[in-house]
C-alpha cells in the first residue's frame, strides 16, 4: 500500500494522517478540538436523550483536513481516529 507523503522543513519524510471519525460515545463535547482546528473541519452536534441534551463533535468538512492531528492531540478522551490517504 502506498500513501501520500510529504517532507518536513528538515527534509524528513512525513505521512499525514487525516481525520476518519470521532467516537460520539466517548466525546464529551468540550470543544477543545474545535478551537484548535483552523480549517473548519469540525462542528458541534446536539443529541436530545430523555430530557437531557448531549453535545459532541462531528466531522463536518473532512475534505478541509490537512492531517496535522492537532484535534486528536488536544482531545483528553482520545475520541479521534486517523488514517493516511492512499496514493
PDB file of N, CA and C in Angstrom:
ATOM      1  N   UNK A   1       0.839  -1.179   0.000  1.00  0.00           N
ATOM      2  CA  UNK A   1       0.000   0.000   0.000  1.00  0.00           C
ATOM      3  C   UNK A   1       0.886   1.245   0.000  1.00  0.00           C
ATOM      4  N   UNK A   2       0.643   2.144  -0.898  1.00  0.00           N
ATOM      5  CA  UNK A   2       1.409   3.394  -0.968  1.00  0.00           C
ATOM      6  C   UNK A   2       0.550   4.530  -0.437  1.00  0.00           C
ATOM      7  N   UNK A   3       1.165   5.364   0.385  1.00  0.00           N
ATOM      8  CA  UNK A   3       0.460   6.503   0.966  1.00  0.00           C
ATOM      9  C   UNK A   3       1.038   7.800   0.426  1.00  0.00           C
ATOM     10  N   UNK A   4       0.221   8.821   0.408  1.00  0.00           N
ATOM     11  CA  UNK A   4       0.687  10.147   0.028  1.00  0.00           C
ATOM     12  C   UNK A   4       1.577  10.668   1.148  1.00  0.00           C
ATOM     13  N   UNK A   5       2.770  11.072   0.806  1.00  0.00           N
ATOM     14  CA  UNK A   5       3.715  11.568   1.803  1.00  0.00           C
ATOM     15  C   UNK A   5       4.195  12.961   1.422  1.00  0.00           C
ATOM     16  N   UNK A   6       4.846  13.598   2.359  1.00  0.00           N
ATOM     17  CA  UNK A   6       5.424  14.917   2.142  1.00  0.00           C
ATOM     18  C   UNK A   6       6.737  15.006   2.880  1.00  0.00           C
ATOM     19  N   UNK A   7       7.277  16.201   2.943  1.00  0.00           N
ATOM     20  CA  UNK A   7       8.528  16.426   3.654  1.00  0.00           C
ATOM     21  C   UNK A   7       8.322  17.481   4.729  1.00  0.00           C
ATOM     22  N   UNK A   8       9.018  17.296   5.836  1.00  0.00           N
ATOM     23  CA  UNK A   8       9.027  18.323   6.870  1.00  0.00           C
ATOM     24  C   UNK A   8      10.032  19.398   6.460  1.00  0.00           C
ATOM     25  N   UNK A   9      10.098  20.445   7.234  1.00  0.00           N
ATOM     26  CA  UNK A   9      11.043  21.529   6.942  1.00  0.00           C
ATOM     27  C   UNK A   9      12.482  21.022   6.939  1.00  0.00           C
ATOM     28  N   UNK A  10      12.769  20.024   7.784  1.00  0.00           N
ATOM     29  CA  UNK A  10      14.125  19.470   7.842  1.00  0.00           C
ATOM     30  C   UNK A  10      14.330  18.324   6.845  1.00  0.00           C
ATOM     31  N   UNK A  11      13.429  18.211   5.871  1.00  0.00           N
ATOM     32  CA  UNK A  11      13.519  17.255   4.763  1.00  0.00           C
ATOM     33  C   UNK A  11      13.293  15.796   5.181  1.00  0.00           C
ATOM     34  N   UNK A  12      12.655  15.565   6.323  1.00  0.00           N
ATOM     35  CA  UNK A  12      12.288  14.208   6.717  1.00  0.00           C
ATOM     36  C   UNK A  12      10.952  13.877   6.076  1.00  0.00           C
ATOM     37  N   UNK A  13      10.822  12.633   5.630  1.00  0.00           N
ATOM     38  CA  UNK A  13       9.556  12.213   5.026  1.00  0.00           C
ATOM     39  C   UNK A  13       8.481  12.143   6.102  1.00  0.00           C
ATOM     40  N   UNK A  14       7.273  12.567   5.740  1.00  0.00           N
ATOM     41  CA  UNK A  14       6.157  12.636   6.680  1.00  0.00           C
ATOM     42  C   UNK A  14       4.900  12.148   5.980  1.00  0.00           C
ATOM     43  N   UNK A  15       4.160  11.257   6.633  1.00  0.00           N
ATOM     44  CA  UNK A  15       2.885  10.778   6.099  1.00  0.00           C
ATOM     45  C   UNK A  15       1.776  11.363   6.961  1.00  0.00           C
ATOM     46  N   UNK A  16       1.033  12.343   6.451  1.00  0.00           N
ATOM     47  CA  UNK A  16      -0.048  12.926   7.242  1.00  0.00           C
ATOM     48  C   UNK A  16      -1.178  11.918   7.439  1.00  0.00           C
ATOM     49  N   UNK A  17      -1.798  11.968   8.589  1.00  0.00           N
ATOM     50  CA  UNK A  17      -2.951  11.127   8.880  1.00  0.00           C
ATOM     51  C   UNK A  17      -4.150  12.038   9.056  1.00  0.00           C
ATOM     52  N   UNK A  18      -5.174  11.778   8.269  1.00  0.00           N
ATOM     53  CA  UNK A  18      -6.357  12.618   8.233  1.00  0.00           C
ATOM     54  C   UNK A  18      -7.466  12.055   9.109  1.00  0.00           C
ATOM     55  N   UNK A  19      -8.328  12.932   9.591  1.00  0.00           N
ATOM     56  CA  UNK A  19      -9.415  12.526  10.467  1.00  0.00           C
ATOM     57  C   UNK A  19     -10.367  11.583   9.726  1.00  0.00           C
ATOM     58  N   UNK A  20     -10.696  10.478  10.369  1.00  0.00           N
ATOM     59  CA  UNK A  20     -11.619   9.488   9.810  1.00  0.00           C
ATOM     60  C   UNK A  20     -12.952   9.552  10.545  1.00  0.00           C
ATOM     61  N   UNK A  21     -12.883   9.597  11.886  1.00  0.00           N
ATOM     62  CA  UNK A  21     -14.113   9.575  12.679  1.00  0.00           C
ATOM     63  C   UNK A  21     -13.859  10.100  14.083  1.00  0.00           C
ATOM     64  N   UNK A  22     -14.955  10.439  14.747  1.00  0.00           N
ATOM     65  CA  UNK A  22     -14.942  10.827  16.158  1.00  0.00           C
ATOM     66  C   UNK A  22     -15.918   9.900  16.866  1.00  0.00           C
ATOM     67  N   UNK A  23     -15.483   9.279  17.940  1.00  0.00           N
ATOM     68  CA  UNK A  23     -16.339   8.372  18.708  1.00  0.00           C
ATOM     69  C   UNK A  23     -17.314   9.209  19.536  1.00  0.00           C
ATOM     70  N   UNK A  24     -18.585   9.251  19.106  1.00  0.00           N
ATOM     71  CA  UNK A  24     -19.561  10.096  19.804  1.00  0.00           C
ATOM     72  C   UNK A  24     -20.004   9.507  21.142  1.00  0.00           C
ATOM     73  N   UNK A  25     -19.649   8.270  21.417  1.00  0.00           N
ATOM     74  CA  UNK A  25     -19.931   7.682  22.731  1.00  0.00           C
ATOM     75  C   UNK A  25     -18.921   8.177  23.772  1.00  0.00           C
ATOM     76  N   UNK A  26     -17.724   8.477  23.327  1.00  0.00           N
ATOM     77  CA  UNK A  26     -16.650   8.914  24.221  1.00  0.00           C
ATOM     78  C   UNK A  26     -16.547  10.430  24.317  1.00  0.00           C
ATOM     79  N   UNK A  27     -16.880  11.120  23.225  1.00  0.00           N
ATOM     80  CA  UNK A  27     -16.763  12.576  23.161  1.00  0.00           C
ATOM     81  C   UNK A  27     -17.658  13.247  24.206  1.00  0.00           C
ATOM     82  N   UNK A  28     -17.096  14.234  24.909  1.00  0.00           N
ATOM     83  CA  UNK A  28     -17.864  14.967  25.924  1.00  0.00           C
ATOM     84  C   UNK A  28     -18.263  16.359  25.450  1.00  0.00           C
ATOM     85  N   UNK A  29     -17.923  16.694  24.203  1.00  0.00           N
ATOM     86  CA  UNK A  29     -18.323  17.980  23.636  1.00  0.00           C
ATOM     87  C   UNK A  29     -17.653  19.185  24.262  1.00  0.00           C
ATOM     88  N   UNK A  30     -16.430  19.025  24.734  1.00  0.00           N
ATOM     89  CA  UNK A  30     -15.738  20.125  25.401  1.00  0.00           C
ATOM     90  C   UNK A  30     -15.341  21.245  24.438  1.00  0.00           C
ATOM     91  N   UNK A  31     -15.134  20.910  23.160  1.00  0.00           N
ATOM     92  CA  UNK A  31     -14.812  21.913  22.161  1.00  0.00           C
ATOM     93  C   UNK A  31     -13.344  22.247  22.003  1.00  0.00           C
ATOM     94  N   UNK A  32     -12.461  21.581  22.715  1.00  0.00           N
ATOM     95  CA  UNK A  32     -11.027  21.875  22.578  1.00  0.00           C
ATOM     96  C   UNK A  32     -10.546  21.637  21.147  1.00  0.00           C
ATOM     97  N   UNK A  33     -10.997  20.535  20.572  1.00  0.00           N
ATOM     98  CA  UNK A  33     -10.596  20.207  19.200  1.00  0.00           C
ATOM     99  C   UNK A  33     -11.130  21.247  18.218  1.00  0.00           C
ATOM    100  N   UNK A  34     -12.333  21.699  18.444  1.00  0.00           N
ATOM    101  CA  UNK A  34     -12.962  22.706  17.584  1.00  0.00           C
ATOM    102  C   UNK A  34     -12.162  24.008  17.611  1.00  0.00           C
ATOM    103  N   UNK A  35     -11.712  24.387  18.794  1.00  0.00           N
ATOM    104  CA  UNK A  35     -10.955  25.634  18.947  1.00  0.00           C
ATOM    105  C   UNK A  35      -9.580  25.565  18.298  1.00  0.00           C
ATOM    106  N   UNK A  36      -8.973  24.392  18.288  1.00  0.00           N
ATOM    107  CA  UNK A  36      -7.610  24.273  17.766  1.00  0.00           C
ATOM    108  C   UNK A  36      -7.589  24.069  16.248  1.00  0.00           C
ATOM    109  N   UNK A  37      -8.694  23.655  15.660  1.00  0.00           N
ATOM    110  CA  UNK A  37      -8.732  23.415  14.213  1.00  0.00           C
ATOM    111  C   UNK A  37      -8.969  24.733  13.462  1.00  0.00           C
ATOM    112  N   UNK A  38      -8.013  25.104  12.631  1.00  0.00           N
ATOM    113  CA  UNK A  38      -8.110  26.351  11.869  1.00  0.00           C
ATOM    114  C   UNK A  38      -8.677  26.139  10.471  1.00  0.00           C
ATOM    115  N   UNK A  39      -9.182  24.922  10.197  1.00  0.00           N
ATOM    116  CA  UNK A  39      -9.597  24.600   8.836  1.00  0.00           C
ATOM    117  C   UNK A  39     -11.068  24.232   8.709  1.00  0.00           C
ATOM    118  N   UNK A  40     -11.867  24.573   9.707  1.00  0.00           N
ATOM    119  CA  UNK A  40     -13.311  24.380   9.646  1.00  0.00           C
ATOM    120  C   UNK A  40     -13.696  22.928   9.346  1.00  0.00           C
ATOM    121  N   UNK A  41     -13.018  21.979   9.991  1.00  0.00           N
ATOM    122  CA  UNK A  41     -13.293  20.559   9.777  1.00  0.00           C
ATOM    123  C   UNK A  41     -14.424  20.084  10.688  1.00  0.00           C
ATOM    124  N   UNK A  42     -14.493  20.614  11.907  1.00  0.00           N
ATOM    125  CA  UNK A  42     -15.396  20.098  12.932  1.00  0.00           C
ATOM    126  C   UNK A  42     -16.587  21.008  13.189  1.00  0.00           C
ATOM    127  N   UNK A  43     -17.636  20.416  13.753  1.00  0.00           N
ATOM    128  CA  UNK A  43     -18.786  21.190  14.209  1.00  0.00           C
ATOM    129  C   UNK A  43     -19.408  20.478  15.403  1.00  0.00           C
ATOM    130  N   UNK A  44     -20.242  21.211  16.139  1.00  0.00           N
ATOM    131  CA  UNK A  44     -20.950  20.638  17.280  1.00  0.00           C
ATOM    132  C   UNK A  44     -22.241  19.999  16.801  1.00  0.00           C
ATOM    133  N   UNK A  45     -22.639  18.936  17.476  1.00  0.00           N
ATOM    134  CA  UNK A  45     -23.945  18.334  17.237  1.00  0.00           C
ATOM    135  C   UNK A  45     -24.594  18.085  18.590  1.00  0.00           C
ATOM    136  N   UNK A  46     -25.879  18.347  18.665  1.00  0.00           N
ATOM    137  CA  UNK A  46     -26.616  18.140  19.909  1.00  0.00           C
ATOM    138  C   UNK A  46     -27.524  16.932  19.741  1.00  0.00           C
ATOM    139  N   UNK A  47     -27.521  16.087  20.738  1.00  0.00           N
ATOM    140  CA  UNK A  47     -28.345  14.893  20.735  1.00  0.00           C
ATOM    141  C   UNK A  47     -29.270  14.961  21.945  1.00  0.00           C
ATOM    142  N   UNK A  48     -30.564  14.979  21.706  1.00  0.00           N
ATOM    143  CA  UNK A  48     -31.535  15.003  22.807  1.00  0.00           C
ATOM    144  C   UNK A  48     -31.866  13.583  23.228  1.00  0.00           C
ATOM    145  N   UNK A  49     -31.618  13.287  24.492  1.00  0.00           N
ATOM    146  CA  UNK A  49     -31.900  11.967  25.038  1.00  0.00           C
ATOM    147  C   UNK A  49     -32.605  12.124  26.377  1.00  0.00           C
ATOM    148  N   UNK A  50     -33.807  11.637  26.460  1.00  0.00           N
ATOM    149  CA  UNK A  50     -34.534  11.590  27.736  1.00  0.00           C
ATOM    150  C   UNK A  50     -34.458  12.896  28.522  1.00  0.00           C
ATOM    151  N   UNK A  51     -34.883  13.977  27.916  1.00  0.00           N
ATOM    152  CA  UNK A  51     -34.932  15.291  28.555  1.00  0.00           C
ATOM    153  C   UNK A  51     -33.576  15.873  28.918  1.00  0.00           C
ATOM    154  N   UNK A  52     -32.512  15.328  28.358  1.00  0.00           N
ATOM    155  CA  UNK A  52     -31.192  15.919  28.580  1.00  0.00           C
ATOM    156  C   UNK A  52     -30.468  15.961  27.241  1.00  0.00           C
ATOM    157  N   UNK A  53     -29.804  17.054  26.981  1.00  0.00           N
ATOM    158  CA  UNK A  53     -29.089  17.221  25.720  1.00  0.00           C
ATOM    159  C   UNK A  53     -27.617  16.920  25.916  1.00  0.00           C
ATOM    160  N   UNK A  54     -27.054  16.215  24.971  1.00  0.00           N
ATOM    161  CA  UNK A  54     -25.629  15.919  24.997  1.00  0.00           C
ATOM    162  C   UNK A  54     -25.005  16.553  23.765  1.00  0.00           C
ATOM    163  N   UNK A  55     -23.928  17.280  23.968  1.00  0.00           N
ATOM    164  CA  UNK A  55     -23.183  17.877  22.864  1.00  0.00           C
ATOM    165  C   UNK A  55     -21.991  16.981  22.553  1.00  0.00           C
ATOM    166  N   UNK A  56     -21.704  16.835  21.279  1.00  0.00           N
ATOM    167  CA  UNK A  56     -20.492  16.148  20.872  1.00  0.00           C
ATOM    168  C   UNK A  56     -20.046  16.711  19.533  1.00  0.00           C
ATOM    169  N   UNK A  57     -18.830  16.412  19.175  1.00  0.00           N
ATOM    170  CA  UNK A  57     -18.266  16.930  17.934  1.00  0.00           C
ATOM    171  C   UNK A  57     -18.559  15.964  16.801  1.00  0.00           C
ATOM    172  N   UNK A  58     -18.625  16.513  15.589  1.00  0.00           N
ATOM    173  CA  UNK A  58     -18.746  15.671  14.408  1.00  0.00           C
ATOM    174  C   UNK A  58     -17.855  16.244  13.311  1.00  0.00           C
ATOM    175  N   UNK A  59     -17.492  15.386  12.369  1.00  0.00           N
ATOM    176  CA  UNK A  59     -16.695  15.808  11.226  1.00  0.00           C
ATOM    177  C   UNK A  59     -17.654  16.423  10.215  1.00  0.00           C
ATOM    178  N   UNK A  60     -17.531  17.717  10.021  1.00  0.00           N
ATOM    179  CA  UNK A  60     -18.429  18.448   9.119  1.00  0.00           C
ATOM    180  C   UNK A  60     -17.837  18.585   7.716  1.00  0.00           C
ATOM    181  N   UNK A  61     -16.554  18.896   7.647  1.00  0.00           N
ATOM    182  CA  UNK A  61     -15.889  19.140   6.363  1.00  0.00           C
ATOM    183  C   UNK A  61     -14.580  18.357   6.299  1.00  0.00           C
ATOM    184  N   UNK A  62     -14.672  17.048   6.137  1.00  0.00           N
ATOM    185  CA  UNK A  62     -13.488  16.182   6.151  1.00  0.00           C
ATOM    186  C   UNK A  62     -12.475  16.572   5.082  1.00  0.00           C
ATOM    187  N   UNK A  63     -12.941  17.087   3.953  1.00  0.00           N
ATOM    188  CA  UNK A  63     -12.048  17.485   2.877  1.00  0.00           C
ATOM    189  C   UNK A  63     -11.153  18.657   3.217  1.00  0.00           C
ATOM    190  N   UNK A  64     -11.481  19.397   4.273  1.00  0.00           N
ATOM    191  CA  UNK A  64     -10.649  20.527   4.703  1.00  0.00           C
ATOM    192  C   UNK A  64      -9.471  20.088   5.576  1.00  0.00           C
ATOM    193  N   UNK A  65      -9.492  18.858   6.059  1.00  0.00           N
ATOM    194  CA  UNK A  65      -8.453  18.370   6.969  1.00  0.00           C
ATOM    195  C   UNK A  65      -7.095  18.354   6.264  1.00  0.00           C
ATOM    196  N   UNK A  66      -6.069  18.884   6.938  1.00  0.00           N
ATOM    197  CA  UNK A  66      -4.715  18.893   6.377  1.00  0.00           C
ATOM    198  C   UNK A  66      -3.824  17.820   7.010  1.00  0.00           C
ATOM    199  N   UNK A  67      -4.371  17.041   7.935  1.00  0.00           N
ATOM    200  CA  UNK A  67      -3.618  15.947   8.532  1.00  0.00           C
ATOM    201  C   UNK A  67      -2.646  16.339   9.609  1.00  0.00           C
ATOM    202  N   UNK A  68      -2.859  17.482  10.247  1.00  0.00           N
ATOM    203  CA  UNK A  68      -1.918  17.949  11.273  1.00  0.00           C
ATOM    204  C   UNK A  68      -2.077  17.195  12.595  1.00  0.00           C
ATOM    205  N   UNK A  69      -3.278  16.679  12.887  1.00  0.00           N
ATOM    206  CA  UNK A  69      -3.513  15.909  14.105  1.00  0.00           C
ATOM    207  C   UNK A  69      -3.707  16.727  15.356  1.00  0.00           C
ATOM    208  N   UNK A  70      -3.791  18.055  15.235  1.00  0.00           N
ATOM    209  CA  UNK A  70      -3.935  18.909  16.418  1.00  0.00           C
ATOM    210  C   UNK A  70      -5.197  18.572  17.200  1.00  0.00           C
ATOM    211  N   UNK A  71      -6.272  18.263  16.500  1.00  0.00           N
ATOM    212  CA  UNK A  71      -7.530  17.939  17.176  1.00  0.00           C
ATOM    213  C   UNK A  71      -7.362  16.714  18.070  1.00  0.00           C
ATOM    214  N   UNK A  72      -6.721  15.692  17.567  1.00  0.00           N
ATOM    215  CA  UNK A  72      -6.516  14.471  18.344  1.00  0.00           C
ATOM    216  C   UNK A  72      -5.586  14.665  19.525  1.00  0.00           C
ATOM    217  N   UNK A  73      -4.584  15.518  19.363  1.00  0.00           N
ATOM    218  CA  UNK A  73      -3.651  15.769  20.470  1.00  0.00           C
ATOM    219  C   UNK A  73      -4.299  16.542  21.599  1.00  0.00           C
ATOM    220  N   UNK A  74      -5.291  17.375  21.296  1.00  0.00           N
ATOM    221  CA  UNK A  74      -5.946  18.159  22.349  1.00  0.00           C
ATOM    222  C   UNK A  74      -7.087  17.399  23.020  1.00  0.00           C
ATOM    223  N   UNK A  75      -7.482  16.263  22.471  1.00  0.00           N
ATOM    224  CA  UNK A  75      -8.628  15.513  22.987  1.00  0.00           C
ATOM    225  C   UNK A  75      -8.233  14.666  24.202  1.00  0.00           C
ATOM    226  N   UNK A  76      -8.767  15.013  25.355  1.00  0.00           N
ATOM    227  CA  UNK A  76      -8.439  14.280  26.578  1.00  0.00           C
ATOM    228  C   UNK A  76      -9.089  12.898  26.608  1.00  0.00           C
ATOM    229  N   UNK A  77     -10.122  12.681  25.811  1.00  0.00           N
ATOM    230  CA  UNK A  77     -10.828  11.396  25.776  1.00  0.00           C
ATOM    231  C   UNK A  77     -10.363  10.484  24.648  1.00  0.00           C
ATOM    232  N   UNK A  78      -9.453  10.963  23.804  1.00  0.00           N
ATOM    233  CA  UNK A  78      -8.901  10.191  22.683  1.00  0.00           C
ATOM    234  C   UNK A  78     -10.000   9.637  21.777  1.00  0.00           C
ATOM    235  N   UNK A  79     -10.915  10.517  21.377  1.00  0.00           N
ATOM    236  CA  UNK A  79     -12.082  10.148  20.571  1.00  0.00           C
ATOM    237  C   UNK A  79     -11.790  10.007  19.082  1.00  0.00           C
ATOM    238  N   UNK A  80     -10.689  10.540  18.623  1.00  0.00           N
ATOM    239  CA  UNK A  80     -10.426  10.638  17.197  1.00  0.00           C
ATOM    240  C   UNK A  80      -9.741   9.404  16.632  1.00  0.00           C
ATOM    241  N   UNK A  81     -10.085   9.082  15.394  1.00  0.00           N
ATOM    242  CA  UNK A  81      -9.324   8.084  14.661  1.00  0.00           C
ATOM    243  C   UNK A  81      -8.849   8.733  13.362  1.00  0.00           C
ATOM    244  N   UNK A  82      -7.630   8.369  12.967  1.00  0.00           N
ATOM    245  CA  UNK A  82      -6.972   8.965  11.821  1.00  0.00           C
ATOM    246  C   UNK A  82      -6.421   7.866  10.916  1.00  0.00           C
ATOM    247  N   UNK A  83      -6.227   8.217   9.647  1.00  0.00           N
ATOM    248  CA  UNK A  83      -5.613   7.295   8.693  1.00  0.00           C
ATOM    249  C   UNK A  83      -4.967   8.103   7.580  1.00  0.00           C
ATOM    250  N   UNK A  84      -3.875   7.564   7.005  1.00  0.00           N
ATOM    251  CA  UNK A  84      -3.270   8.227   5.857  1.00  0.00           C
ATOM    252  C   UNK A  84      -4.141   8.012   4.619  1.00  0.00           C
ATOM    253  N   UNK A  85      -3.895   8.811   3.593  1.00  0.00           N
ATOM    254  CA  UNK A  85      -4.619   8.670   2.329  1.00  0.00           C
ATOM    255  C   UNK A  85      -3.761   7.834   1.393  1.00  0.00           C
ATOM    256  N   UNK A  86      -4.387   6.848   0.764  1.00  0.00           N
ATOM    257  CA  UNK A  86      -3.662   6.019  -0.185  1.00  0.00           C
ATOM    258  C   UNK A  86      -3.442   6.767  -1.492  1.00  0.00           C
ATOM    259  N   UNK A  87      -2.262   6.563  -2.053  1.00  0.00           N
ATOM    260  CA  UNK A  87      -1.915   7.224  -3.323  1.00  0.00           C
ATOM    261  C   UNK A  87      -2.585   6.522  -4.485  1.00  0.00           C
TER     262      UNK A  87
END
